[in-house]
Structure formats: C-alpha cells, structure tokens
Amino acid sequence: MASVEVILKQDIEGLGQRYDIVRVRPGYAWNYLIPKGYAELATEGAKRHLAAHLRQIAHKLAQEKAAAEQLAAELRQLKLRLPMLAGKEGKLFGAVTPQQIVSLLAEKGYTLERRQVHFPVPVRTLGQYEVEIRLHREVSVTLPLEVVPQEEE
C-alpha cells in the first residue's frame, strides 16, 4: 500500500504532534489534511525548512529559559513583606491576591504578570507563607512571604 509523508502543522490526536513528519495514506493527505491546513507535503525543501525552523525555535526557547533562570536567581534573594489590615485574631480582611504580590515585586523593580503567581495555600491570616512564581515552563522559584498587620494611621 502506498503512503505519503506529510509535515503536521498542528497536533492531531492519534496521528502526531505539530512539526512531526508522519506517513499517511494518500487519500487522507490530499483530501483531508492538506486542504484543511493541518499538514503540508513533506518534500525535501519542506524538510530542510522545517529543520531550520526547529533550530530557531530551540534557540529561542533556550534564550527564554536562560533569562528565566537568571531572574529566578535574583528573586531567590528576596523576602517579601506585605502589610494587611487584620482583625484581633490575625484574620485578614480579605485575602492576599496575586496582584498584590506583583505590585510588591514591581516596587522592587521586577515586572511579572499575576498569572505567574501561585499560592500553595490561600493566605487569609497573618503569618509566614510561601509564594510560587512560575517564570517559565521549566523554571519556578518559591519566595517567602510574611504577612504583617498594617499600621493604622
């Protein structure tokens, strides 16, 4: 049975991941994958282009990871201290939010997004906590957070 090679342009369940070169039946390639834009024919030129593109992607990902590791090394030196309004038993009026952590880090000169901040446990009382900052898919750092009572003016 004849088959053709195609380069997948997106993940297709049961067939492969994006940028994989797979062998499929000609009818499946010509009547479904290629017209829908899910794949392209794997000619020698297309394979060379794919190899160059994958090298560029790998280089860019390596640079992003290196920058995240450098930022993680800087962030590990920090100890965060957040003043919050609290009741007599130490219960906060509200909870600590990722946006408050982002604002604390912005005051120290670090620009992050709130979706990068994760709390292992919700922070609703005064005390010591840990906050996870996810800088990259493979790089995260855990920062100590001390929630202290805010001085009323």
N, C-alpha and C. Protein backbone atom coordinates (compact mmCIF):
# COMPACT_ATOMS: atom_id res chain seq x y z
N MET A 1 0.86 -1.18 0.00
CA MET A 1 0.00 0.00 0.00
C MET A 1 0.89 1.23 0.00
N ALA A 2 0.61 2.17 -0.86
CA ALA A 2 1.39 3.39 -0.97
C ALA A 2 1.04 4.35 0.15
N SER A 3 2.02 5.15 0.53
CA SER A 3 1.78 6.19 1.53
C SER A 3 2.61 7.42 1.17
N VAL A 4 2.23 8.55 1.75
CA VAL A 4 2.97 9.78 1.53
C VAL A 4 3.38 10.35 2.88
N GLU A 5 4.46 11.12 2.86
CA GLU A 5 4.91 11.79 4.08
C GLU A 5 4.37 13.20 4.11
N VAL A 6 3.86 13.60 5.29
CA VAL A 6 3.39 14.96 5.47
C VAL A 6 4.00 15.52 6.75
N ILE A 7 4.10 16.83 6.80
CA ILE A 7 4.56 17.54 7.99
C ILE A 7 3.32 18.13 8.65
N LEU A 8 3.06 17.76 9.89
CA LEU A 8 1.87 18.26 10.58
C LEU A 8 2.06 19.72 10.99
N LYS A 9 1.03 20.52 10.76
CA LYS A 9 1.07 21.93 11.14
C LYS A 9 0.42 22.16 12.50
N GLN A 10 -0.24 21.16 13.05
CA GLN A 10 -0.84 21.24 14.38
C GLN A 10 -0.97 19.83 14.93
N ASP A 11 -1.23 19.73 16.24
CA ASP A 11 -1.40 18.43 16.88
C ASP A 11 -2.67 17.77 16.34
N ILE A 12 -2.56 16.49 16.00
CA ILE A 12 -3.73 15.73 15.57
C ILE A 12 -3.73 14.45 16.39
N GLU A 13 -4.77 14.29 17.19
CA GLU A 13 -4.87 13.15 18.09
C GLU A 13 -4.84 11.85 17.29
N GLY A 14 -4.03 10.93 17.73
CA GLY A 14 -3.92 9.64 17.08
C GLY A 14 -2.96 9.63 15.90
N LEU A 15 -2.44 10.80 15.53
CA LEU A 15 -1.54 10.87 14.38
C LEU A 15 -0.17 11.41 14.78
N GLY A 16 -0.14 12.56 15.46
CA GLY A 16 1.15 13.12 15.86
C GLY A 16 1.03 14.53 16.36
N GLN A 17 2.18 15.09 16.73
CA GLN A 17 2.28 16.44 17.25
C GLN A 17 2.68 17.39 16.13
N ARG A 18 2.54 18.69 16.42
CA ARG A 18 2.94 19.72 15.46
C ARG A 18 4.41 19.53 15.09
N TYR A 19 4.75 19.69 13.84
CA TYR A 19 6.09 19.57 13.25
C TYR A 19 6.57 18.13 13.10
N ASP A 20 5.74 17.13 13.43
CA ASP A 20 6.12 15.74 13.19
C ASP A 20 6.00 15.44 11.71
N ILE A 21 6.87 14.56 11.23
CA ILE A 21 6.76 14.06 9.86
C ILE A 21 6.18 12.66 9.98
N VAL A 22 5.00 12.45 9.39
CA VAL A 22 4.31 11.17 9.51
C VAL A 22 3.94 10.64 8.12
N ARG A 23 3.79 9.33 8.06
CA ARG A 23 3.36 8.67 6.82
C ARG A 23 1.86 8.38 6.93
N VAL A 24 1.11 8.80 5.93
CA VAL A 24 -0.33 8.57 5.89
C VAL A 24 -0.72 8.10 4.48
N ARG A 25 -1.93 7.62 4.37
CA ARG A 25 -2.43 7.22 3.05
C ARG A 25 -2.63 8.46 2.18
N PRO A 26 -2.41 8.32 0.90
CA PRO A 26 -2.52 9.49 0.01
C PRO A 26 -3.89 10.16 0.05
N GLY A 27 -4.96 9.40 0.10
CA GLY A 27 -6.30 9.99 0.13
C GLY A 27 -6.52 10.83 1.38
N TYR A 28 -6.04 10.36 2.52
CA TYR A 28 -6.17 11.10 3.78
C TYR A 28 -5.39 12.40 3.70
N ALA A 29 -4.20 12.33 3.10
CA ALA A 29 -3.37 13.54 2.97
C ALA A 29 -4.01 14.54 2.02
N TRP A 30 -4.34 14.08 0.81
CA TRP A 30 -4.80 15.00 -0.23
C TRP A 30 -6.24 15.46 -0.05
N ASN A 31 -7.08 14.65 0.57
CA ASN A 31 -8.49 15.01 0.70
C ASN A 31 -8.86 15.62 2.04
N TYR A 32 -8.00 15.46 3.06
CA TYR A 32 -8.35 15.98 4.38
C TYR A 32 -7.25 16.85 4.98
N LEU A 33 -6.08 16.29 5.22
CA LEU A 33 -5.04 17.01 5.96
C LEU A 33 -4.56 18.27 5.24
N ILE A 34 -4.22 18.15 3.98
CA ILE A 34 -3.66 19.29 3.25
C ILE A 34 -4.73 20.36 2.95
N PRO A 35 -5.93 20.00 2.45
CA PRO A 35 -6.93 21.06 2.22
C PRO A 35 -7.37 21.80 3.47
N LYS A 36 -7.43 21.10 4.62
CA LYS A 36 -7.84 21.75 5.87
C LYS A 36 -6.71 22.56 6.49
N GLY A 37 -5.50 22.46 5.96
CA GLY A 37 -4.37 23.21 6.50
C GLY A 37 -3.74 22.54 7.71
N TYR A 38 -4.04 21.26 7.93
CA TYR A 38 -3.48 20.54 9.07
C TYR A 38 -2.08 20.01 8.78
N ALA A 39 -1.73 19.93 7.49
CA ALA A 39 -0.43 19.36 7.13
C ALA A 39 0.00 19.91 5.78
N GLU A 40 1.27 19.68 5.49
CA GLU A 40 1.79 20.01 4.16
C GLU A 40 2.62 18.82 3.68
N LEU A 41 2.76 18.69 2.40
CA LEU A 41 3.53 17.59 1.82
C LEU A 41 4.99 17.71 2.26
N ALA A 42 5.59 16.62 2.65
CA ALA A 42 6.97 16.62 3.16
C ALA A 42 7.96 16.44 2.02
N THR A 43 8.15 17.49 1.23
CA THR A 43 9.16 17.45 0.17
C THR A 43 10.53 17.68 0.81
N GLU A 44 11.58 17.49 0.05
CA GLU A 44 12.94 17.70 0.59
C GLU A 44 13.12 19.16 1.02
N GLY A 45 12.60 20.09 0.23
CA GLY A 45 12.70 21.50 0.58
C GLY A 45 11.92 21.82 1.86
N ALA A 46 10.74 21.23 2.00
CA ALA A 46 9.94 21.46 3.19
C ALA A 46 10.62 20.87 4.43
N LYS A 47 11.29 19.73 4.27
CA LYS A 47 12.01 19.13 5.40
C LYS A 47 13.19 20.00 5.83
N ARG A 48 13.92 20.57 4.85
CA ARG A 48 15.03 21.47 5.18
C ARG A 48 14.52 22.72 5.89
N HIS A 49 13.42 23.26 5.39
CA HIS A 49 12.81 24.44 6.01
C HIS A 49 12.36 24.12 7.43
N LEU A 50 11.77 22.96 7.64
CA LEU A 50 11.32 22.54 8.97
C LEU A 50 12.51 22.40 9.92
N ALA A 51 13.60 21.81 9.45
CA ALA A 51 14.79 21.64 10.29
C ALA A 51 15.34 23.00 10.72
N ALA A 52 15.40 23.96 9.80
CA ALA A 52 15.88 25.30 10.14
C ALA A 52 14.93 25.97 11.12
N HIS A 53 13.65 25.81 10.90
CA HIS A 53 12.64 26.41 11.79
C HIS A 53 12.75 25.82 13.19
N LEU A 54 12.93 24.51 13.30
CA LEU A 54 13.06 23.86 14.61
C LEU A 54 14.32 24.32 15.34
N ARG A 55 15.41 24.56 14.58
CA ARG A 55 16.63 25.08 15.21
C ARG A 55 16.39 26.47 15.78
N GLN A 56 15.67 27.32 15.04
CA GLN A 56 15.35 28.67 15.52
C GLN A 56 14.48 28.61 16.78
N ILE A 57 13.48 27.73 16.77
CA ILE A 57 12.61 27.59 17.94
C ILE A 57 13.41 27.12 19.14
N ALA A 58 14.29 26.14 18.95
CA ALA A 58 15.10 25.62 20.05
C ALA A 58 16.01 26.71 20.62
N HIS A 59 16.59 27.52 19.74
CA HIS A 59 17.47 28.60 20.18
C HIS A 59 16.68 29.64 20.99
N LYS A 60 15.50 30.01 20.49
CA LYS A 60 14.67 30.99 21.18
C LYS A 60 14.23 30.46 22.54
N LEU A 61 13.83 29.20 22.62
CA LEU A 61 13.41 28.61 23.90
C LEU A 61 14.57 28.54 24.88
N ALA A 62 15.77 28.26 24.38
CA ALA A 62 16.95 28.22 25.25
C ALA A 62 17.24 29.61 25.82
N GLN A 63 17.10 30.64 25.00
CA GLN A 63 17.31 32.01 25.48
C GLN A 63 16.28 32.39 26.53
N GLU A 64 15.01 32.05 26.29
CA GLU A 64 13.95 32.36 27.25
C GLU A 64 14.20 31.64 28.58
N LYS A 65 14.62 30.39 28.51
CA LYS A 65 14.88 29.63 29.73
C LYS A 65 16.06 30.21 30.49
N ALA A 66 17.11 30.60 29.79
CA ALA A 66 18.28 31.19 30.44
C ALA A 66 17.91 32.50 31.13
N ALA A 67 17.10 33.33 30.47
CA ALA A 67 16.66 34.58 31.08
C ALA A 67 15.80 34.31 32.32
N ALA A 68 14.94 33.30 32.26
CA ALA A 68 14.11 32.95 33.41
C ALA A 68 14.95 32.44 34.56
N GLU A 69 15.98 31.65 34.27
CA GLU A 69 16.87 31.14 35.32
C GLU A 69 17.64 32.28 35.99
N GLN A 70 18.06 33.25 35.20
CA GLN A 70 18.77 34.41 35.76
C GLN A 70 17.84 35.22 36.66
N LEU A 71 16.61 35.45 36.22
CA LEU A 71 15.63 36.17 37.03
C LEU A 71 15.31 35.38 38.30
N ALA A 72 15.21 34.06 38.19
CA ALA A 72 14.94 33.23 39.36
C ALA A 72 16.06 33.36 40.39
N ALA A 73 17.30 33.42 39.93
CA ALA A 73 18.43 33.57 40.86
C ALA A 73 18.33 34.90 41.60
N GLU A 74 17.91 35.96 40.91
CA GLU A 74 17.75 37.26 41.56
C GLU A 74 16.59 37.24 42.55
N LEU A 75 15.48 36.61 42.16
CA LEU A 75 14.29 36.59 43.01
C LEU A 75 14.50 35.77 44.28
N ARG A 76 15.36 34.75 44.21
CA ARG A 76 15.60 33.91 45.39
C ARG A 76 16.20 34.71 46.54
N GLN A 77 16.80 35.85 46.26
CA GLN A 77 17.40 36.68 47.29
C GLN A 77 16.37 37.51 48.05
N LEU A 78 15.15 37.58 47.52
CA LEU A 78 14.12 38.45 48.10
C LEU A 78 13.34 37.76 49.22
N LYS A 79 12.90 38.59 50.15
CA LYS A 79 11.95 38.18 51.18
C LYS A 79 10.83 39.21 51.13
N LEU A 80 9.64 38.75 50.83
CA LEU A 80 8.51 39.66 50.67
C LEU A 80 7.83 39.90 52.01
N ARG A 81 7.44 41.15 52.24
CA ARG A 81 6.74 41.55 53.47
C ARG A 81 5.54 42.38 53.03
N LEU A 82 4.35 41.91 53.39
CA LEU A 82 3.12 42.55 52.93
C LEU A 82 2.28 42.97 54.13
N PRO A 83 2.11 44.30 54.34
CA PRO A 83 1.21 44.76 55.41
C PRO A 83 -0.25 44.67 54.95
N MET A 84 -1.09 44.09 55.83
CA MET A 84 -2.52 43.92 55.51
C MET A 84 -3.35 44.28 56.74
N LEU A 85 -4.55 44.76 56.51
CA LEU A 85 -5.49 45.00 57.61
C LEU A 85 -5.99 43.66 58.13
N ALA A 86 -5.97 43.51 59.47
CA ALA A 86 -6.37 42.25 60.06
C ALA A 86 -7.15 42.49 61.34
N GLY A 87 -7.95 41.50 61.72
CA GLY A 87 -8.70 41.57 62.96
C GLY A 87 -7.82 41.19 64.15
N LYS A 88 -8.42 41.13 65.33
CA LYS A 88 -7.66 40.86 66.55
C LYS A 88 -7.06 39.46 66.58
N GLU A 89 -7.72 38.48 65.99
CA GLU A 89 -7.18 37.11 65.99
C GLU A 89 -6.18 36.90 64.85
N GLY A 90 -5.88 37.92 64.08
CA GLY A 90 -4.93 37.80 62.97
C GLY A 90 -5.57 37.42 61.66
N LYS A 91 -6.90 37.39 61.61
CA LYS A 91 -7.58 37.06 60.37
C LYS A 91 -7.64 38.31 59.48
N LEU A 92 -7.26 38.16 58.23
CA LEU A 92 -7.22 39.29 57.29
C LEU A 92 -8.62 39.70 56.86
N PHE A 93 -8.78 40.98 56.56
CA PHE A 93 -10.00 41.48 55.94
C PHE A 93 -9.82 41.28 54.44
N GLY A 94 -10.18 40.12 53.97
CA GLY A 94 -9.94 39.75 52.58
C GLY A 94 -8.86 38.69 52.52
N ALA A 95 -8.18 38.57 51.40
CA ALA A 95 -7.10 37.60 51.24
C ALA A 95 -6.00 38.23 50.40
N VAL A 96 -4.83 37.65 50.48
CA VAL A 96 -3.72 38.12 49.66
C VAL A 96 -3.95 37.62 48.23
N THR A 97 -3.84 38.52 47.28
CA THR A 97 -4.08 38.18 45.88
C THR A 97 -2.77 38.18 45.09
N PRO A 98 -2.75 37.48 43.97
CA PRO A 98 -1.56 37.53 43.12
C PRO A 98 -1.19 38.95 42.69
N GLN A 99 -2.19 39.80 42.47
CA GLN A 99 -1.92 41.17 42.05
C GLN A 99 -1.13 41.93 43.11
N GLN A 100 -1.40 41.67 44.39
CA GLN A 100 -0.64 42.33 45.46
C GLN A 100 0.82 41.88 45.43
N ILE A 101 1.07 40.62 45.14
CA ILE A 101 2.44 40.12 45.05
C ILE A 101 3.14 40.76 43.86
N VAL A 102 2.43 40.86 42.73
CA VAL A 102 3.00 41.51 41.54
C VAL A 102 3.35 42.96 41.85
N SER A 103 2.49 43.65 42.59
CA SER A 103 2.76 45.05 42.97
C SER A 103 3.97 45.15 43.88
N LEU A 104 4.10 44.22 44.83
CA LEU A 104 5.28 44.21 45.72
C LEU A 104 6.56 44.03 44.91
N LEU A 105 6.52 43.11 43.97
CA LEU A 105 7.71 42.86 43.14
C LEU A 105 7.98 44.04 42.21
N ALA A 106 6.94 44.72 41.75
CA ALA A 106 7.12 45.89 40.89
C ALA A 106 7.83 47.01 41.64
N GLU A 107 7.51 47.15 42.95
CA GLU A 107 8.19 48.16 43.76
C GLU A 107 9.68 47.86 43.87
N LYS A 108 10.03 46.60 43.77
CA LYS A 108 11.44 46.19 43.85
C LYS A 108 12.10 46.14 42.47
N GLY A 109 11.34 46.48 41.43
CA GLY A 109 11.91 46.58 40.09
C GLY A 109 11.73 45.36 39.22
N TYR A 110 10.84 44.44 39.57
CA TYR A 110 10.62 43.23 38.77
C TYR A 110 9.23 43.28 38.17
N THR A 111 9.16 43.07 36.86
CA THR A 111 7.89 43.11 36.16
C THR A 111 7.42 41.68 35.89
N LEU A 112 6.31 41.31 36.50
CA LEU A 112 5.73 39.99 36.30
C LEU A 112 4.24 40.15 36.02
N GLU A 113 3.61 39.06 35.62
CA GLU A 113 2.17 39.05 35.43
C GLU A 113 1.53 38.26 36.56
N ARG A 114 0.30 38.59 36.89
CA ARG A 114 -0.32 37.92 38.03
C ARG A 114 -0.57 36.44 37.77
N ARG A 115 -0.68 36.02 36.52
CA ARG A 115 -0.88 34.60 36.24
C ARG A 115 0.37 33.77 36.56
N GLN A 116 1.50 34.44 36.77
CA GLN A 116 2.73 33.74 37.13
C GLN A 116 2.82 33.46 38.63
N VAL A 117 1.93 34.06 39.43
CA VAL A 117 1.97 33.93 40.89
C VAL A 117 0.97 32.88 41.33
N HIS A 118 1.45 31.91 42.14
CA HIS A 118 0.59 30.83 42.62
C HIS A 118 0.81 30.64 44.12
N PHE A 119 -0.29 30.49 44.83
CA PHE A 119 -0.24 30.23 46.26
C PHE A 119 -0.52 28.76 46.51
N PRO A 120 0.38 28.05 47.22
CA PRO A 120 0.08 26.65 47.57
C PRO A 120 -1.14 26.54 48.48
N VAL A 121 -1.30 27.52 49.38
CA VAL A 121 -2.47 27.57 50.26
C VAL A 121 -3.00 29.01 50.23
N PRO A 122 -4.31 29.20 50.36
CA PRO A 122 -4.83 30.57 50.39
C PRO A 122 -4.30 31.33 51.61
N VAL A 123 -3.98 32.60 51.43
CA VAL A 123 -3.44 33.42 52.51
C VAL A 123 -4.57 34.28 53.06
N ARG A 124 -5.07 33.89 54.27
CA ARG A 124 -6.19 34.63 54.87
C ARG A 124 -5.91 35.04 56.31
N THR A 125 -4.69 34.73 56.80
CA THR A 125 -4.32 35.13 58.16
C THR A 125 -2.90 35.69 58.15
N LEU A 126 -2.54 36.39 59.22
CA LEU A 126 -1.18 36.89 59.35
C LEU A 126 -0.24 35.71 59.53
N GLY A 127 1.01 35.88 59.10
CA GLY A 127 1.99 34.82 59.30
C GLY A 127 2.95 34.66 58.14
N GLN A 128 3.66 33.54 58.16
CA GLN A 128 4.67 33.22 57.16
C GLN A 128 4.07 32.27 56.12
N TYR A 129 4.33 32.56 54.85
CA TYR A 129 3.82 31.73 53.76
C TYR A 129 4.88 31.61 52.69
N GLU A 130 4.60 30.76 51.71
CA GLU A 130 5.45 30.64 50.53
C GLU A 130 4.61 30.94 49.31
N VAL A 131 5.22 31.65 48.36
CA VAL A 131 4.56 32.01 47.12
C VAL A 131 5.40 31.45 45.98
N GLU A 132 4.75 30.74 45.07
CA GLU A 132 5.47 30.20 43.92
C GLU A 132 5.33 31.16 42.74
N ILE A 133 6.47 31.49 42.13
CA ILE A 133 6.49 32.33 40.94
C ILE A 133 6.94 31.44 39.78
N ARG A 134 6.08 31.28 38.79
CA ARG A 134 6.41 30.45 37.61
C ARG A 134 6.89 31.36 36.50
N LEU A 135 8.18 31.32 36.25
CA LEU A 135 8.80 32.21 35.27
C LEU A 135 8.83 31.61 33.87
N HIS A 136 8.86 30.29 33.80
CA HIS A 136 8.99 29.57 32.55
C HIS A 136 8.39 28.20 32.77
N ARG A 137 8.12 27.50 31.73
CA ARG A 137 7.55 26.16 31.85
C ARG A 137 8.42 25.26 32.73
N GLU A 138 9.72 25.45 32.70
CA GLU A 138 10.64 24.60 33.46
C GLU A 138 11.31 25.32 34.63
N VAL A 139 11.02 26.60 34.82
CA VAL A 139 11.69 27.39 35.87
C VAL A 139 10.65 28.05 36.77
N SER A 140 10.73 27.72 38.06
CA SER A 140 9.89 28.41 39.03
C SER A 140 10.72 28.64 40.28
N VAL A 141 10.29 29.61 41.08
CA VAL A 141 11.00 29.96 42.30
C VAL A 141 9.96 30.15 43.41
N THR A 142 10.32 29.72 44.62
CA THR A 142 9.43 29.88 45.76
C THR A 142 9.99 30.97 46.65
N LEU A 143 9.17 31.98 46.92
CA LEU A 143 9.59 33.12 47.74
C LEU A 143 8.90 33.09 49.10
N PRO A 144 9.64 33.47 50.15
CA PRO A 144 8.99 33.58 51.45
C PRO A 144 8.17 34.86 51.51
N LEU A 145 6.98 34.76 52.09
CA LEU A 145 6.09 35.90 52.22
C LEU A 145 5.69 36.02 53.69
N GLU A 146 5.91 37.21 54.23
CA GLU A 146 5.47 37.47 55.59
C GLU A 146 4.33 38.48 55.52
N VAL A 147 3.15 38.06 56.03
CA VAL A 147 2.00 38.95 56.07
C VAL A 147 1.95 39.52 57.48
N VAL A 148 2.08 40.84 57.56
CA VAL A 148 2.14 41.52 58.86
C VAL A 148 0.94 42.47 58.99
N PRO A 149 0.58 42.84 60.24
CA PRO A 149 -0.54 43.78 60.39
C PRO A 149 -0.17 45.17 59.89
N GLN A 150 -1.11 45.80 59.22
CA GLN A 150 -0.88 47.14 58.68
C GLN A 150 -1.03 48.14 59.82
N GLU A 151 -0.12 49.09 59.87
CA GLU A 151 -0.19 50.14 60.89
C GLU A 151 -1.28 51.11 60.51
N GLU A 152 -2.27 51.27 61.38
CA GLU A 152 -3.36 52.20 61.08
C GLU A 152 -2.91 53.62 61.35
N GLU A 153 -3.33 54.52 60.49
CA GLU A 153 -2.89 55.91 60.61
C GLU A 153 -3.95 56.77 61.21
